[in-house]
């Protein structure tokens, strides 16, 4: 019911955008606002659909062993984090057993969250978890951190921390999706203080086997 009107709106603004040269400067500015909001609305509906599928368990989980460092190096540039460093704890395999599409969604959302609300991602860490057979993937940022009182709530739908409320962009669903995808793997997601300041978003996933 929501996808149909969004598709119609997107088609209409594309027609207007194609005739941008015929519009006044003020009308062009108004058109840019409409375009950005239609795209944001479309993303929000897609995220809600994805959350609904995760909740009822109708999405498949196709596990494979994935080298996290190589995976991050390939996808980080697409999310404004081309220069982010990746550090692997000595003795850690750096390999998780995960669904590649879901892992990309987790990392993409965390990198986007760092870009939008944390001054950009500064480091990705891969460490051994206390729980046997698990690894921790941490995405650190250069922001103000997350207050202890908000650390559980920001993984709920449409909830933003203090930093997020003062910045435009995002749908308020990215971290909820991170949590749900981690849970689908039998893992979890949380946020803590980074050692050098800022926030460190952590996802626990099953460890794979390095070939």
C-alpha atoms as a PDB file:
ATOM      1  CA  UNK A   1       0.000   0.000   0.000  1.00  0.00           C
ATOM      2  CA  UNK A   2       2.879   2.370   0.681  1.00  0.00           C
ATOM      3  CA  UNK A   3       5.142   1.307  -2.175  1.00  0.00           C
ATOM      4  CA  UNK A   4       2.662   2.293  -4.911  1.00  0.00           C
ATOM      5  CA  UNK A   5       2.283   5.992  -3.985  1.00  0.00           C
ATOM      6  CA  UNK A   6       6.024   6.287  -3.343  1.00  0.00           C
ATOM      7  CA  UNK A   7       6.750   4.894  -6.808  1.00  0.00           C
ATOM      8  CA  UNK A   8       4.304   7.401  -8.331  1.00  0.00           C
ATOM      9  CA  UNK A   9       5.890  10.282  -6.408  1.00  0.00           C
ATOM     10  CA  UNK A  10       9.384   9.218  -7.456  1.00  0.00           C
ATOM     11  CA  UNK A  11       8.336   9.093 -11.114  1.00  0.00           C
ATOM     12  CA  UNK A  12       6.751  12.553 -10.876  1.00  0.00           C
ATOM     13  CA  UNK A  13       9.818  14.204  -9.337  1.00  0.00           C
ATOM     14  CA  UNK A  14      12.037  12.565 -11.956  1.00  0.00           C
ATOM     15  CA  UNK A  15       9.959  14.270 -14.661  1.00  0.00           C
ATOM     16  CA  UNK A  16      10.319  17.607 -12.893  1.00  0.00           C
ATOM     17  CA  UNK A  17      14.031  17.090 -12.332  1.00  0.00           C
ATOM     18  CA  UNK A  18      14.533  16.420 -16.040  1.00  0.00           C
ATOM     19  CA  UNK A  19      13.110  19.908 -16.716  1.00  0.00           C
ATOM     20  CA  UNK A  20      15.129  21.584 -13.955  1.00  0.00           C
ATOM     21  CA  UNK A  21      16.540  24.183 -16.362  1.00  0.00           C
ATOM     22  CA  UNK A  22      13.030  25.583 -16.940  1.00  0.00           C
ATOM     23  CA  UNK A  23      12.488  26.205 -13.231  1.00  0.00           C
ATOM     24  CA  UNK A  24      13.385  29.241 -11.150  1.00  0.00           C
ATOM     25  CA  UNK A  25      16.153  28.954  -8.561  1.00  0.00           C
ATOM     26  CA  UNK A  26      13.633  28.947  -5.718  1.00  0.00           C
ATOM     27  CA  UNK A  27      11.572  26.215  -7.376  1.00  0.00           C
ATOM     28  CA  UNK A  28      14.717  24.153  -7.953  1.00  0.00           C
ATOM     29  CA  UNK A  29      15.507  24.377  -4.248  1.00  0.00           C
ATOM     30  CA  UNK A  30      11.993  23.242  -3.405  1.00  0.00           C
ATOM     31  CA  UNK A  31      12.335  20.368  -5.877  1.00  0.00           C
ATOM     32  CA  UNK A  32      15.582  19.258  -4.223  1.00  0.00           C
ATOM     33  CA  UNK A  33      13.785  19.082  -0.869  1.00  0.00           C
ATOM     34  CA  UNK A  34      10.998  16.979  -2.374  1.00  0.00           C
ATOM     35  CA  UNK A  35      13.467  14.630  -4.077  1.00  0.00           C
ATOM     36  CA  UNK A  36      15.462  14.069  -0.873  1.00  0.00           C
ATOM     37  CA  UNK A  37      12.333  13.446   1.198  1.00  0.00           C
ATOM     38  CA  UNK A  38      10.822  11.018  -1.324  1.00  0.00           C
ATOM     39  CA  UNK A  39      14.082   9.053  -1.319  1.00  0.00           C
ATOM     40  CA  UNK A  40      14.157   9.084   2.499  1.00  0.00           C
ATOM     41  CA  UNK A  41      10.531   7.911   2.664  1.00  0.00           C
ATOM     42  CA  UNK A  42      11.280   5.139   0.181  1.00  0.00           C
ATOM     43  CA  UNK A  43      14.260   3.978   2.257  1.00  0.00           C
ATOM     44  CA  UNK A  44      12.164   4.063   5.421  1.00  0.00           C
ATOM     45  CA  UNK A  45       9.459   1.850   3.913  1.00  0.00           C
ATOM     46  CA  UNK A  46      12.054  -0.624   2.617  1.00  0.00           C
ATOM     47  CA  UNK A  47      13.661  -0.747   6.075  1.00  0.00           C
ATOM     48  CA  UNK A  48      10.288  -1.351   7.741  1.00  0.00           C
ATOM     49  CA  UNK A  49       9.527  -4.166   5.302  1.00  0.00           C
ATOM     50  CA  UNK A  50      12.907  -5.725   6.043  1.00  0.00           C
ATOM     51  CA  UNK A  51      12.331  -5.478   9.806  1.00  0.00           C
ATOM     52  CA  UNK A  52       8.912  -7.079   9.433  1.00  0.00           C
ATOM     53  CA  UNK A  53      10.373 -10.002   7.490  1.00  0.00           C
ATOM     54  CA  UNK A  54      13.087 -10.480  10.105  1.00  0.00           C
ATOM     55  CA  UNK A  55      10.563 -10.472  12.940  1.00  0.00           C
ATOM     56  CA  UNK A  56       8.418 -13.192  11.389  1.00  0.00           C
ATOM     57  CA  UNK A  57      11.430 -15.199  10.245  1.00  0.00           C
ATOM     58  CA  UNK A  58      10.589 -15.399   6.546  1.00  0.00           C
ATOM     59  CA  UNK A  59      14.055 -14.380   5.310  1.00  0.00           C
ATOM     60  CA  UNK A  60      16.597 -17.120   4.626  1.00  0.00           C
ATOM     61  CA  UNK A  61      20.034 -17.261   6.238  1.00  0.00           C
ATOM     62  CA  UNK A  62      22.780 -18.407   3.866  1.00  0.00           C
ATOM     63  CA  UNK A  63      25.947 -18.765   5.911  1.00  0.00           C
ATOM     64  CA  UNK A  64      29.462 -18.766   4.515  1.00  0.00           C
ATOM     65  CA  UNK A  65      32.898 -18.031   5.955  1.00  0.00           C
ATOM     66  CA  UNK A  66      33.789 -14.383   5.360  1.00  0.00           C
ATOM     67  CA  UNK A  67      37.111 -12.660   5.987  1.00  0.00           C
ATOM     68  CA  UNK A  68      35.897  -9.483   7.713  1.00  0.00           C
ATOM     69  CA  UNK A  69      38.945  -7.293   6.979  1.00  0.00           C
ATOM     70  CA  UNK A  70      38.767  -7.956   3.224  1.00  0.00           C
ATOM     71  CA  UNK A  71      35.002  -7.527   3.280  1.00  0.00           C
ATOM     72  CA  UNK A  72      35.256  -4.128   4.988  1.00  0.00           C
ATOM     73  CA  UNK A  73      37.984  -2.984   2.570  1.00  0.00           C
ATOM     74  CA  UNK A  74      35.686  -3.706  -0.384  1.00  0.00           C
ATOM     75  CA  UNK A  75      32.537  -2.072   0.913  1.00  0.00           C
ATOM     76  CA  UNK A  76      33.740   0.815   3.123  1.00  0.00           C
ATOM     77  CA  UNK A  77      34.434   3.223   0.200  1.00  0.00           C
ATOM     78  CA  UNK A  78      30.770   3.005  -0.799  1.00  0.00           C
ATOM     79  CA  UNK A  79      29.772   4.367   2.593  1.00  0.00           C
ATOM     80  CA  UNK A  80      32.167   7.294   2.945  1.00  0.00           C
ATOM     81  CA  UNK A  81      34.744   5.333   4.946  1.00  0.00           C
ATOM     82  CA  UNK A  82      37.455   4.587   2.406  1.00  0.00           C
ATOM     83  CA  UNK A  83      40.218   5.543   4.861  1.00  0.00           C
ATOM     84  CA  UNK A  84      38.931   3.586   7.863  1.00  0.00           C
ATOM     85  CA  UNK A  85      41.563   1.299   9.396  1.00  0.00           C
ATOM     86  CA  UNK A  86      40.870  -2.348  10.186  1.00  0.00           C
ATOM     87  CA  UNK A  87      42.652  -3.963  13.113  1.00  0.00           C
ATOM     88  CA  UNK A  88      42.594  -7.683  13.946  1.00  0.00           C
ATOM     89  CA  UNK A  89      43.485  -8.915  17.415  1.00  0.00           C
ATOM     90  CA  UNK A  90      46.568 -11.180  17.392  1.00  0.00           C
ATOM     91  CA  UNK A  91      45.525 -14.810  17.332  1.00  0.00           C
ATOM     92  CA  UNK A  92      42.063 -13.969  16.044  1.00  0.00           C
ATOM     93  CA  UNK A  93      40.969 -15.650  12.804  1.00  0.00           C
ATOM     94  CA  UNK A  94      39.135 -12.571  11.543  1.00  0.00           C
ATOM     95  CA  UNK A  95      36.608 -14.866   9.855  1.00  0.00           C
ATOM     96  CA  UNK A  96      32.887 -15.001  10.646  1.00  0.00           C
ATOM     97  CA  UNK A  97      30.240 -17.500   9.601  1.00  0.00           C
ATOM     98  CA  UNK A  98      27.542 -15.202   8.268  1.00  0.00           C
ATOM     99  CA  UNK A  99      25.080 -14.421   5.526  1.00  0.00           C
ATOM    100  CA  UNK A 100      27.019 -12.091   3.200  1.00  0.00           C
ATOM    101  CA  UNK A 101      24.018  -9.889   2.396  1.00  0.00           C
ATOM    102  CA  UNK A 102      23.142  -9.493   6.058  1.00  0.00           C
ATOM    103  CA  UNK A 103      26.747  -8.819   7.076  1.00  0.00           C
ATOM    104  CA  UNK A 104      26.960  -6.094   4.446  1.00  0.00           C
ATOM    105  CA  UNK A 105      23.746  -4.578   5.817  1.00  0.00           C
ATOM    106  CA  UNK A 106      25.150  -4.614   9.356  1.00  0.00           C
ATOM    107  CA  UNK A 107      28.446  -2.980   8.403  1.00  0.00           C
ATOM    108  CA  UNK A 108      26.856  -0.524   5.973  1.00  0.00           C
ATOM    109  CA  UNK A 109      24.397   0.673   8.611  1.00  0.00           C
ATOM    110  CA  UNK A 110      27.131   1.067  11.224  1.00  0.00           C
ATOM    111  CA  UNK A 111      29.401   2.985   8.837  1.00  0.00           C
ATOM    112  CA  UNK A 112      26.498   5.180   7.734  1.00  0.00           C
ATOM    113  CA  UNK A 113      25.567   5.780  11.366  1.00  0.00           C
ATOM    114  CA  UNK A 114      29.141   6.845  12.130  1.00  0.00           C
ATOM    115  CA  UNK A 115      29.166   9.175   9.119  1.00  0.00           C
ATOM    116  CA  UNK A 116      25.827  10.782   9.941  1.00  0.00           C
ATOM    117  CA  UNK A 117      26.076  11.047  13.709  1.00  0.00           C
ATOM    118  CA  UNK A 118      29.631  10.325  14.848  1.00  0.00           C
ATOM    119  CA  UNK A 119      31.947  12.406  12.712  1.00  0.00           C
ATOM    120  CA  UNK A 120      32.851   9.389  10.584  1.00  0.00           C
ATOM    121  CA  UNK A 121      34.183   5.910  11.301  1.00  0.00           C
ATOM    122  CA  UNK A 122      37.760   5.910  12.598  1.00  0.00           C
ATOM    123  CA  UNK A 123      38.478   2.218  13.069  1.00  0.00           C
ATOM    124  CA  UNK A 124      36.995  -1.252  12.638  1.00  0.00           C
ATOM    125  CA  UNK A 125      38.239  -3.847  15.107  1.00  0.00           C
ATOM    126  CA  UNK A 126      37.932  -7.630  14.954  1.00  0.00           C
ATOM    127  CA  UNK A 127      38.496  -9.363  18.286  1.00  0.00           C
ATOM    128  CA  UNK A 128      37.763 -12.613  20.065  1.00  0.00           C
ATOM    129  CA  UNK A 129      34.626 -12.694  22.206  1.00  0.00           C
ATOM    130  CA  UNK A 130      34.411 -14.115  25.714  1.00  0.00           C
ATOM    131  CA  UNK A 131      31.813 -16.569  24.404  1.00  0.00           C
ATOM    132  CA  UNK A 132      33.588 -19.494  22.669  1.00  0.00           C
ATOM    133  CA  UNK A 133      33.117 -19.648  18.909  1.00  0.00           C
ATOM    134  CA  UNK A 134      32.269 -15.958  18.508  1.00  0.00           C
ATOM    135  CA  UNK A 135      33.995 -12.827  17.211  1.00  0.00           C
ATOM    136  CA  UNK A 136      33.336  -9.172  17.911  1.00  0.00           C
ATOM    137  CA  UNK A 137      33.260  -6.587  15.124  1.00  0.00           C
ATOM    138  CA  UNK A 138      33.570  -3.046  16.465  1.00  0.00           C
ATOM    139  CA  UNK A 139      32.985   0.148  14.491  1.00  0.00           C
ATOM    140  CA  UNK A 140      34.422   3.204  16.255  1.00  0.00           C
ATOM    141  CA  UNK A 141      33.638   6.829  15.447  1.00  0.00           C
ATOM    142  CA  UNK A 142      34.875  10.329  16.224  1.00  0.00           C
ATOM    143  CA  UNK A 143      31.633  11.595  17.730  1.00  0.00           C
ATOM    144  CA  UNK A 144      30.584  12.573  21.253  1.00  0.00           C
ATOM    145  CA  UNK A 145      29.707   9.000  22.228  1.00  0.00           C
ATOM    146  CA  UNK A 146      26.353   7.673  23.438  1.00  0.00           C
ATOM    147  CA  UNK A 147      25.066   8.440  26.906  1.00  0.00           C
ATOM    148  CA  UNK A 148      24.598   5.318  29.090  1.00  0.00           C
ATOM    149  CA  UNK A 149      20.897   6.125  29.437  1.00  0.00           C
ATOM    150  CA  UNK A 150      20.453   5.898  25.657  1.00  0.00           C
ATOM    151  CA  UNK A 151      22.520   2.823  24.835  1.00  0.00           C
ATOM    152  CA  UNK A 152      19.636   0.366  24.839  1.00  0.00           C
ATOM    153  CA  UNK A 153      17.041   2.685  23.332  1.00  0.00           C
ATOM    154  CA  UNK A 154      18.960   3.623  20.190  1.00  0.00           C
ATOM    155  CA  UNK A 155      18.537   0.069  18.876  1.00  0.00           C
ATOM    156  CA  UNK A 156      14.758   0.513  18.957  1.00  0.00           C
ATOM    157  CA  UNK A 157      12.817   1.655  15.898  1.00  0.00           C
ATOM    158  CA  UNK A 158      12.709   5.391  15.199  1.00  0.00           C
ATOM    159  CA  UNK A 159      14.828   6.144  18.262  1.00  0.00           C
ATOM    160  CA  UNK A 160      17.844   8.432  17.992  1.00  0.00           C
ATOM    161  CA  UNK A 161      20.422   9.457  20.524  1.00  0.00           C
ATOM    162  CA  UNK A 162      21.162  13.063  21.404  1.00  0.00           C
ATOM    163  CA  UNK A 163      23.666  13.399  18.538  1.00  0.00           C
ATOM    164  CA  UNK A 164      21.220  11.990  15.993  1.00  0.00           C
ATOM    165  CA  UNK A 165      18.431  14.382  16.942  1.00  0.00           C
ATOM    166  CA  UNK A 166      20.524  17.388  15.964  1.00  0.00           C
ATOM    167  CA  UNK A 167      21.470  16.102  12.504  1.00  0.00           C
ATOM    168  CA  UNK A 168      19.493  15.517   9.334  1.00  0.00           C
ATOM    169  CA  UNK A 169      19.530  12.219   7.490  1.00  0.00           C
ATOM    170  CA  UNK A 170      18.796   8.623   8.353  1.00  0.00           C
ATOM    171  CA  UNK A 171      15.474   6.971   9.061  1.00  0.00           C
ATOM    172  CA  UNK A 172      15.844   5.953  12.693  1.00  0.00           C
ATOM    173  CA  UNK A 173      15.787   2.289  11.644  1.00  0.00           C
ATOM    174  CA  UNK A 174      19.434   1.543  10.823  1.00  0.00           C
ATOM    175  CA  UNK A 175      20.501   0.371  14.279  1.00  0.00           C
ATOM    176  CA  UNK A 176      17.281  -1.607  14.742  1.00  0.00           C
ATOM    177  CA  UNK A 177      18.189  -3.518  11.577  1.00  0.00           C
ATOM    178  CA  UNK A 178      21.732  -4.094  12.856  1.00  0.00           C
ATOM    179  CA  UNK A 179      20.309  -5.614  16.044  1.00  0.00           C
ATOM    180  CA  UNK A 180      17.813  -7.829  14.197  1.00  0.00           C
ATOM    181  CA  UNK A 181      20.379  -9.119  11.689  1.00  0.00           C
ATOM    182  CA  UNK A 182      22.827  -9.896  14.502  1.00  0.00           C
ATOM    183  CA  UNK A 183      20.079 -11.722  16.407  1.00  0.00           C
ATOM    184  CA  UNK A 184      19.222 -13.762  13.294  1.00  0.00           C
ATOM    185  CA  UNK A 185      22.807 -15.088  13.391  1.00  0.00           C
ATOM    186  CA  UNK A 186      22.484 -15.972  17.079  1.00  0.00           C
ATOM    187  CA  UNK A 187      24.530 -12.912  18.008  1.00  0.00           C
ATOM    188  CA  UNK A 188      23.875  -9.478  19.478  1.00  0.00           C
ATOM    189  CA  UNK A 189      24.647  -5.778  19.042  1.00  0.00           C
ATOM    190  CA  UNK A 190      25.436  -3.032  21.539  1.00  0.00           C
ATOM    191  CA  UNK A 191      27.314   0.249  21.960  1.00  0.00           C
ATOM    192  CA  UNK A 192      30.047   1.235  24.398  1.00  0.00           C
ATOM    193  CA  UNK A 193      32.734   3.893  24.791  1.00  0.00           C
ATOM    194  CA  UNK A 194      35.669   3.716  22.376  1.00  0.00           C
ATOM    195  CA  UNK A 195      39.135   3.701  23.933  1.00  0.00           C
ATOM    196  CA  UNK A 196      40.095   6.966  22.213  1.00  0.00           C
ATOM    197  CA  UNK A 197      36.755   8.705  22.721  1.00  0.00           C
ATOM    198  CA  UNK A 198      33.594   8.519  20.664  1.00  0.00           C
ATOM    199  CA  UNK A 199      31.361   5.469  20.421  1.00  0.00           C
ATOM    200  CA  UNK A 200      32.173   1.859  19.630  1.00  0.00           C
ATOM    201  CA  UNK A 201      29.300  -0.115  18.114  1.00  0.00           C
ATOM    202  CA  UNK A 202      29.885  -3.843  18.571  1.00  0.00           C
ATOM    203  CA  UNK A 203      28.322  -6.851  16.865  1.00  0.00           C
ATOM    204  CA  UNK A 204      28.920 -10.417  18.070  1.00  0.00           C
ATOM    205  CA  UNK A 205      28.755 -13.070  15.324  1.00  0.00           C
ATOM    206  CA  UNK A 206      29.706 -16.756  15.074  1.00  0.00           C
ATOM    207  CA  UNK A 207      33.325 -17.410  14.158  1.00  0.00           C
ATOM    208  CA  UNK A 208      34.064 -19.096  10.856  1.00  0.00           C
ATOM    209  CA  UNK A 209      36.947 -21.295   9.813  1.00  0.00           C
ATOM    210  CA  UNK A 210      39.933 -19.764   8.034  1.00  0.00           C
ATOM    211  CA  UNK A 211      40.725 -21.855   4.971  1.00  0.00           C
END
